[in-house]
Amino acid sequence: MKKNRYLYLALVFGFLLGIHEGNIALWKDGSSKPFRVFPYRAESLPEADQKALEQGIHLTDESALIRLLEDYLS
């Protein structure tokens, strides 16, 4: 359950889902460096999803984060 602990810590402060060096990444609010970079290329997603990630998706809800990660990383 280490993954859930990290998600909880990110949710306390909020987080941003976006793109870092072409990969899907997660930032804690206010951080200039990604909290986690996933080994999934943003270019493999539909164009609308890529644009949303380029702008950054700010989330404070755990269920929304989990849904997006499941959609983007599956």
N, C-alpha and C. Protein backbone atom coordinates (compact mmCIF):
# COMPACT_ATOMS: atom_id res chain seq x y z
N MET A 1 0.80 -1.19 0.00
CA MET A 1 0.00 0.00 0.00
C MET A 1 0.85 1.27 0.00
N LYS A 2 2.11 1.15 -0.33
CA LYS A 2 2.99 2.31 -0.40
C LYS A 2 2.46 3.32 -1.41
N LYS A 3 1.91 2.83 -2.53
CA LYS A 3 1.36 3.71 -3.56
C LYS A 3 0.25 4.58 -2.97
N ASN A 4 -0.64 4.01 -2.18
CA ASN A 4 -1.73 4.77 -1.58
C ASN A 4 -1.20 5.84 -0.63
N ARG A 5 -0.12 5.54 0.08
CA ARG A 5 0.48 6.52 0.98
C ARG A 5 0.97 7.73 0.20
N TYR A 6 1.63 7.50 -0.93
CA TYR A 6 2.11 8.60 -1.75
C TYR A 6 0.95 9.41 -2.32
N LEU A 7 -0.10 8.72 -2.75
CA LEU A 7 -1.26 9.44 -3.26
C LEU A 7 -1.87 10.30 -2.17
N TYR A 8 -1.97 9.77 -0.96
CA TYR A 8 -2.53 10.54 0.15
C TYR A 8 -1.70 11.79 0.41
N LEU A 9 -0.38 11.65 0.44
CA LEU A 9 0.47 12.80 0.69
C LEU A 9 0.30 13.86 -0.39
N ALA A 10 0.15 13.44 -1.63
CA ALA A 10 -0.06 14.40 -2.72
C ALA A 10 -1.41 15.08 -2.58
N LEU A 11 -2.42 14.34 -2.15
CA LEU A 11 -3.76 14.89 -2.06
C LEU A 11 -3.89 15.93 -0.95
N VAL A 12 -3.09 15.81 0.09
CA VAL A 12 -3.15 16.78 1.17
C VAL A 12 -2.89 18.18 0.63
N PHE A 13 -1.99 18.29 -0.30
CA PHE A 13 -1.61 19.58 -0.86
C PHE A 13 -2.20 19.83 -2.25
N GLY A 14 -2.77 18.83 -2.87
CA GLY A 14 -3.22 18.95 -4.24
C GLY A 14 -2.09 18.55 -5.18
N PHE A 15 -2.41 18.38 -6.43
CA PHE A 15 -1.39 17.97 -7.38
C PHE A 15 -1.77 18.39 -8.79
N LEU A 16 -0.82 18.28 -9.66
CA LEU A 16 -0.97 18.64 -11.06
C LEU A 16 -0.51 17.47 -11.91
N LEU A 17 -1.34 17.06 -12.84
CA LEU A 17 -0.99 16.01 -13.78
C LEU A 17 -0.65 16.68 -15.10
N GLY A 18 0.50 16.35 -15.66
CA GLY A 18 0.94 17.00 -16.89
C GLY A 18 1.96 16.16 -17.63
N ILE A 19 2.81 16.85 -18.39
CA ILE A 19 3.82 16.19 -19.22
C ILE A 19 5.21 16.69 -18.83
N HIS A 20 6.13 15.76 -18.66
CA HIS A 20 7.53 16.08 -18.38
C HIS A 20 8.40 15.27 -19.33
N GLU A 21 9.12 15.98 -20.19
CA GLU A 21 10.01 15.35 -21.18
C GLU A 21 9.27 14.28 -21.98
N GLY A 22 8.01 14.57 -22.33
CA GLY A 22 7.23 13.66 -23.17
C GLY A 22 6.44 12.60 -22.42
N ASN A 23 6.72 12.42 -21.13
CA ASN A 23 6.03 11.40 -20.34
C ASN A 23 4.97 12.04 -19.44
N ILE A 24 3.96 11.27 -19.10
CA ILE A 24 2.94 11.71 -18.15
C ILE A 24 3.60 11.81 -16.78
N ALA A 25 3.33 12.92 -16.08
CA ALA A 25 4.00 13.16 -14.80
C ALA A 25 3.03 13.79 -13.79
N LEU A 26 3.39 13.66 -12.52
CA LEU A 26 2.58 14.18 -11.43
C LEU A 26 3.44 15.09 -10.56
N TRP A 27 2.94 16.30 -10.30
CA TRP A 27 3.61 17.27 -9.45
C TRP A 27 2.79 17.52 -8.21
N LYS A 28 3.44 17.77 -7.10
CA LYS A 28 2.76 18.31 -5.93
C LYS A 28 2.58 19.80 -6.20
N ASP A 29 1.49 20.37 -5.71
CA ASP A 29 1.27 21.80 -5.90
C ASP A 29 2.46 22.61 -5.41
N GLY A 30 2.87 23.55 -6.24
CA GLY A 30 3.95 24.45 -5.87
C GLY A 30 5.34 23.92 -6.16
N SER A 31 5.46 22.68 -6.58
CA SER A 31 6.77 22.09 -6.85
C SER A 31 7.17 22.31 -8.30
N SER A 32 8.45 22.59 -8.52
CA SER A 32 8.93 22.76 -9.89
C SER A 32 9.40 21.44 -10.50
N LYS A 33 9.61 20.42 -9.67
CA LYS A 33 10.04 19.10 -10.15
C LYS A 33 8.91 18.11 -9.98
N PRO A 34 8.77 17.18 -10.94
CA PRO A 34 7.71 16.18 -10.81
C PRO A 34 7.90 15.29 -9.58
N PHE A 35 6.79 14.97 -8.96
CA PHE A 35 6.74 14.03 -7.84
C PHE A 35 6.96 12.62 -8.37
N ARG A 36 6.37 12.35 -9.55
CA ARG A 36 6.47 11.03 -10.17
C ARG A 36 6.37 11.18 -11.68
N VAL A 37 7.26 10.54 -12.42
CA VAL A 37 7.20 10.51 -13.88
C VAL A 37 6.89 9.07 -14.27
N PHE A 38 5.82 8.91 -15.03
CA PHE A 38 5.38 7.58 -15.44
C PHE A 38 6.01 7.20 -16.78
N PRO A 39 6.29 5.93 -17.00
CA PRO A 39 6.93 5.50 -18.25
C PRO A 39 5.91 5.37 -19.40
N TYR A 40 5.06 6.36 -19.53
CA TYR A 40 4.04 6.37 -20.58
C TYR A 40 4.14 7.68 -21.34
N ARG A 41 4.28 7.57 -22.65
CA ARG A 41 4.42 8.74 -23.51
C ARG A 41 3.07 9.42 -23.72
N ALA A 42 3.05 10.71 -23.56
CA ALA A 42 1.81 11.48 -23.76
C ALA A 42 1.37 11.42 -25.21
N GLU A 43 2.30 11.28 -26.13
CA GLU A 43 1.97 11.25 -27.56
C GLU A 43 1.12 10.05 -27.95
N SER A 44 1.05 9.05 -27.09
CA SER A 44 0.23 7.87 -27.38
C SER A 44 -1.25 8.10 -27.05
N LEU A 45 -1.56 9.23 -26.40
CA LEU A 45 -2.94 9.55 -26.02
C LEU A 45 -3.65 10.31 -27.14
N PRO A 46 -4.97 10.33 -27.12
CA PRO A 46 -5.71 11.15 -28.07
C PRO A 46 -5.31 12.63 -27.94
N GLU A 47 -5.46 13.38 -29.00
CA GLU A 47 -5.02 14.77 -29.05
C GLU A 47 -5.65 15.62 -27.94
N ALA A 48 -6.92 15.43 -27.65
CA ALA A 48 -7.59 16.21 -26.60
C ALA A 48 -6.95 15.96 -25.23
N ASP A 49 -6.59 14.72 -24.96
CA ASP A 49 -5.93 14.39 -23.69
C ASP A 49 -4.53 15.01 -23.63
N GLN A 50 -3.83 14.97 -24.75
CA GLN A 50 -2.50 15.57 -24.80
C GLN A 50 -2.57 17.07 -24.50
N LYS A 51 -3.54 17.74 -25.10
CA LYS A 51 -3.69 19.19 -24.87
C LYS A 51 -4.02 19.48 -23.42
N ALA A 52 -4.88 18.68 -22.81
CA ALA A 52 -5.23 18.88 -21.40
C ALA A 52 -3.99 18.71 -20.52
N LEU A 53 -3.19 17.69 -20.81
CA LEU A 53 -1.97 17.46 -20.04
C LEU A 53 -0.94 18.57 -20.27
N GLU A 54 -0.86 19.09 -21.48
CA GLU A 54 0.06 20.18 -21.77
C GLU A 54 -0.29 21.41 -20.93
N GLN A 55 -1.58 21.66 -20.74
CA GLN A 55 -2.02 22.80 -19.94
C GLN A 55 -1.90 22.49 -18.44
N GLY A 56 -1.92 21.22 -18.11
CA GLY A 56 -1.86 20.79 -16.72
C GLY A 56 -3.26 20.59 -16.16
N ILE A 57 -3.46 19.50 -15.49
CA ILE A 57 -4.76 19.17 -14.91
C ILE A 57 -4.59 19.22 -13.39
N HIS A 58 -5.17 20.23 -12.77
CA HIS A 58 -5.08 20.38 -11.32
C HIS A 58 -6.19 19.58 -10.66
N LEU A 59 -5.82 18.74 -9.71
CA LEU A 59 -6.78 17.87 -9.03
C LEU A 59 -6.56 17.89 -7.53
N THR A 60 -7.66 17.78 -6.78
CA THR A 60 -7.56 17.66 -5.33
C THR A 60 -8.38 16.47 -4.84
N ASP A 61 -8.94 15.72 -5.77
CA ASP A 61 -9.81 14.60 -5.44
C ASP A 61 -9.13 13.28 -5.81
N GLU A 62 -9.00 12.38 -4.85
CA GLU A 62 -8.30 11.11 -5.08
C GLU A 62 -8.98 10.27 -6.16
N SER A 63 -10.30 10.22 -6.16
CA SER A 63 -10.99 9.39 -7.15
C SER A 63 -10.77 9.93 -8.56
N ALA A 64 -10.72 11.25 -8.71
CA ALA A 64 -10.45 11.84 -10.03
C ALA A 64 -9.04 11.50 -10.50
N LEU A 65 -8.08 11.56 -9.58
CA LEU A 65 -6.70 11.20 -9.93
C LEU A 65 -6.62 9.75 -10.37
N ILE A 66 -7.22 8.87 -9.60
CA ILE A 66 -7.17 7.44 -9.93
C ILE A 66 -7.81 7.17 -11.28
N ARG A 67 -8.96 7.80 -11.56
CA ARG A 67 -9.63 7.61 -12.86
C ARG A 67 -8.74 8.07 -14.00
N LEU A 68 -8.15 9.26 -13.86
CA LEU A 68 -7.29 9.76 -14.94
C LEU A 68 -6.08 8.88 -15.14
N LEU A 69 -5.45 8.48 -14.06
CA LEU A 69 -4.27 7.60 -14.21
C LEU A 69 -4.64 6.28 -14.84
N GLU A 70 -5.78 5.72 -14.47
CA GLU A 70 -6.22 4.47 -15.08
C GLU A 70 -6.48 4.67 -16.57
N ASP A 71 -7.09 5.79 -16.94
CA ASP A 71 -7.36 6.07 -18.35
C ASP A 71 -6.06 6.28 -19.13
N TYR A 72 -5.18 7.11 -18.59
CA TYR A 72 -3.97 7.48 -19.31
C TYR A 72 -2.89 6.39 -19.31
N LEU A 73 -2.85 5.59 -18.28
CA LEU A 73 -1.76 4.61 -18.15
C LEU A 73 -2.14 3.20 -18.55
N SER A 74 -3.36 3.00 -19.02
CA SER A 74 -3.76 1.64 -19.39
C SER A 74 -3.67 1.42 -20.88
